[in-house]
C-alpha atoms as a PDB file:
ATOM      1  CA  MET A   1     -28.309 -91.957 -63.888  1.00  0.00           C
ATOM      2  CA  MET A   2     -25.245 -92.144 -61.954  1.00  0.00           C
ATOM      3  CA  ASP A   3     -22.765 -95.194 -62.248  1.00  0.00           C
ATOM      4  CA  ILE A   4     -20.242 -96.131 -59.632  1.00  0.00           C
ATOM      5  CA  ALA A   5     -17.195 -98.418 -60.191  1.00  0.00           C
ATOM      6  CA  ILE A   6     -13.911 -99.079 -58.585  1.00  0.00           C
ATOM      7  CA  THR A   7     -10.506 -98.822 -60.206  1.00  0.00           C
ATOM      8  CA  LYS A   8      -6.868 -98.774 -59.152  1.00  0.00           C
ATOM      9  CA  MET A   9      -3.880 -96.700 -60.228  1.00  0.00           C
ATOM     10  CA  SER A  10      -0.763 -98.316 -61.717  1.00  0.00           C
ATOM     11  CA  SER A  11       2.584 -97.561 -60.552  1.00  0.00           C
ATOM     12  CA  LYS A  12       3.073 -95.458 -63.769  1.00  0.00           C
ATOM     13  CA  GLY A  13       0.028 -93.362 -62.860  1.00  0.00           C
ATOM     14  CA  GLN A  14      -2.293 -95.081 -65.305  1.00  0.00           C
ATOM     15  CA  VAL A  15      -6.111 -95.504 -64.264  1.00  0.00           C
ATOM     16  CA  VAL A  16      -8.286 -97.923 -66.038  1.00  0.00           C
ATOM     17  CA  ILE A  17     -11.778 -96.576 -66.972  1.00  0.00           C
ATOM     18  CA  PRO A  18     -14.321 -99.484 -66.537  1.00  0.00           C
ATOM     19  CA  ALA A  19     -15.627-100.908 -69.923  1.00  0.00           C
ATOM     20  CA  GLU A  20     -19.131 -99.987 -69.059  1.00  0.00           C
ATOM     21  CA  MET A  21     -18.212 -96.409 -68.311  1.00  0.00           C
ATOM     22  CA  ARG A  22     -16.037 -95.626 -71.395  1.00  0.00           C
ATOM     23  CA  LYS A  23     -18.714 -96.108 -73.925  1.00  0.00           C
ATOM     24  CA  GLY A  24     -18.427 -93.645 -76.633  1.00  0.00           C
ATOM     25  CA  ILE A  25     -14.898 -92.692 -75.539  1.00  0.00           C
ATOM     26  CA  LYS A  26     -12.219 -93.177 -78.271  1.00  0.00           C
ATOM     27  CA  ALA A  27      -8.771 -94.599 -77.642  1.00  0.00           C
ATOM     28  CA  GLY A  28      -6.300 -91.293 -77.675  1.00  0.00           C
ATOM     29  CA  GLU A  29      -9.434 -88.733 -76.749  1.00  0.00           C
ATOM     30  CA  LYS A  30      -8.451 -86.197 -74.328  1.00  0.00           C
ATOM     31  CA  LEU A  31      -9.881 -86.237 -71.021  1.00  0.00           C
ATOM     32  CA  LEU A  32      -9.787 -83.174 -68.428  1.00  0.00           C
ATOM     33  CA  ILE A  33      -9.161 -84.244 -64.969  1.00  0.00           C
ATOM     34  CA  ILE A  34     -10.269 -81.652 -62.359  1.00  0.00           C
ATOM     35  CA  GLU A  35      -8.878 -81.856 -58.537  1.00  0.00           C
ATOM     36  CA  ASN A  36     -10.872 -80.572 -56.012  1.00  0.00           C
ATOM     37  CA  ASP A  37      -9.625 -81.528 -52.484  1.00  0.00           C
ATOM     38  CA  ASN A  38     -10.596 -85.107 -52.103  1.00  0.00           C
ATOM     39  CA  GLN A  39     -12.300 -85.408 -55.499  1.00  0.00           C
ATOM     40  CA  LEU A  40     -11.009 -85.890 -59.043  1.00  0.00           C
ATOM     41  CA  ILE A  41     -13.616 -85.196 -61.685  1.00  0.00           C
ATOM     42  CA  ILE A  42     -13.061 -86.491 -65.129  1.00  0.00           C
ATOM     43  CA  LYS A  43     -14.553 -84.788 -68.461  1.00  0.00           C
ATOM     44  CA  ARG A  44     -14.201 -85.108 -72.181  1.00  0.00           C
ATOM     45  CA  ALA A  45     -12.277 -82.492 -73.439  1.00  0.00           C
ATOM     46  CA  LYS A  46     -14.521 -82.126 -76.378  1.00  0.00           C
ATOM     47  CA  ASP A  47     -17.432 -81.434 -74.147  1.00  0.00           C
ATOM     48  CA  LEU A  48     -15.748 -78.300 -72.615  1.00  0.00           C
ATOM     49  CA  ASP A  49     -18.465 -75.590 -73.025  1.00  0.00           C
ATOM     50  CA  LYS A  50     -20.854 -73.814 -70.737  1.00  0.00           C
ATOM     51  CA  ASN A  51     -21.229 -77.135 -68.857  1.00  0.00           C
ATOM     52  CA  LEU A  52     -17.860 -76.773 -67.498  1.00  0.00           C
ATOM     53  CA  GLU A  53     -18.584 -73.271 -66.403  1.00  0.00           C
ATOM     54  CA  GLU A  54     -21.501 -74.642 -64.547  1.00  0.00           C
ATOM     55  CA  ASP A  55     -19.404 -77.481 -63.076  1.00  0.00           C
ATOM     56  CA  LEU A  56     -16.638 -74.941 -61.942  1.00  0.00           C
ATOM     57  CA  ALA A  57     -19.270 -72.694 -60.401  1.00  0.00           C
ATOM     58  CA  PHE A  58     -20.966 -75.561 -58.634  1.00  0.00           C
ATOM     59  CA  ALA A  59     -17.638 -76.707 -57.122  1.00  0.00           C
ATOM     60  CA  LYS A  60     -16.864 -73.356 -55.792  1.00  0.00           C
ATOM     61  CA  ARG A  61     -20.048 -72.894 -54.336  1.00  0.00           C
ATOM     62  CA  THR A  62     -19.848 -76.320 -52.730  1.00  0.00           C
ATOM     63  CA  GLU A  63     -16.429 -75.360 -51.409  1.00  0.00           C
ATOM     64  CA  LYS A  64     -17.560 -72.247 -50.213  1.00  0.00           C
ATOM     65  CA  ALA A  65     -20.515 -73.912 -48.285  1.00  0.00           C
ATOM     66  CA  LEU A  66     -18.194 -76.716 -46.775  1.00  0.00           C
ATOM     67  CA  LYS A  67     -15.754 -73.968 -45.424  1.00  0.00           C
ATOM     68  CA  LYS A  68     -18.672 -71.962 -43.695  1.00  0.00           C
ATOM     69  CA  TYR A  69     -19.899 -75.347 -42.271  1.00  0.00           C
ATOM     70  CA  GLU A  70     -16.479 -76.221 -40.811  1.00  0.00           C
ATOM     71  CA  ALA A  71     -16.374 -72.907 -39.424  1.00  0.00           C
ATOM     72  CA  GLY A  72     -19.679 -73.202 -37.696  1.00  0.00           C
ATOM     73  CA  GLU A  73     -21.262 -70.625 -39.603  1.00  0.00           C
ATOM     74  CA  PHE A  74     -24.387 -72.885 -40.999  1.00  0.00           C
ATOM     75  CA  VAL A  75     -28.011 -71.951 -39.613  1.00  0.00           C
ATOM     76  CA  GLU A  76     -31.201 -73.871 -39.840  1.00  0.00           C
ATOM     77  CA  MET A  77     -33.540 -72.743 -42.740  1.00  0.00           C
ATOM     78  CA  ASP A  78     -36.473 -73.770 -44.698  1.00  0.00           C
ATOM     79  CA  PHE A  79     -36.121 -74.775 -48.361  1.00  0.00           C
ATOM     80  CA  ASP A  80     -37.131 -71.703 -50.010  1.00  0.00           C
ATOM     81  CA  GLU A  81     -34.737 -69.571 -47.547  1.00  0.00           C
ATOM     82  CA  PHE A  82     -31.938 -71.973 -48.625  1.00  0.00           C
ATOM     83  CA  LEU A  83     -32.732 -71.562 -52.339  1.00  0.00           C
ATOM     84  CA  ASN A  84     -32.646 -67.730 -51.944  1.00  0.00           C
ATOM     85  CA  GLU A  85     -29.158 -67.855 -50.250  1.00  0.00           C
ATOM     86  CA  VAL A  86     -27.920 -70.168 -53.014  1.00  0.00           C
ATOM     87  CA  GLU A  87     -28.964 -67.818 -55.655  1.00  0.00           C
ATOM     88  CA  LYS A  88     -26.583 -64.962 -53.829  1.00  0.00           C
ATOM     89  CA  TRP A  89     -23.129 -67.072 -54.204  1.00  0.00           C
END
């Protein structure tokens, strides 16, 4: 399940994480922020493990696909062909 909320940044660069989204996060806990073009991804630093590697690999594949799309290099293919292509990345 994905939750979505709107927040804002203060003049000091502080961002409030909405209460319903910070359950289980303790005050002072370190958070990792990843910037990718127009995205900010926030993860708990204590959760850095194989999932981070998977997230970064996914972000790289997504960025590569976006660049190919912007360059007009996309072609139509069926689902199975698409999965085979993604596995090559």
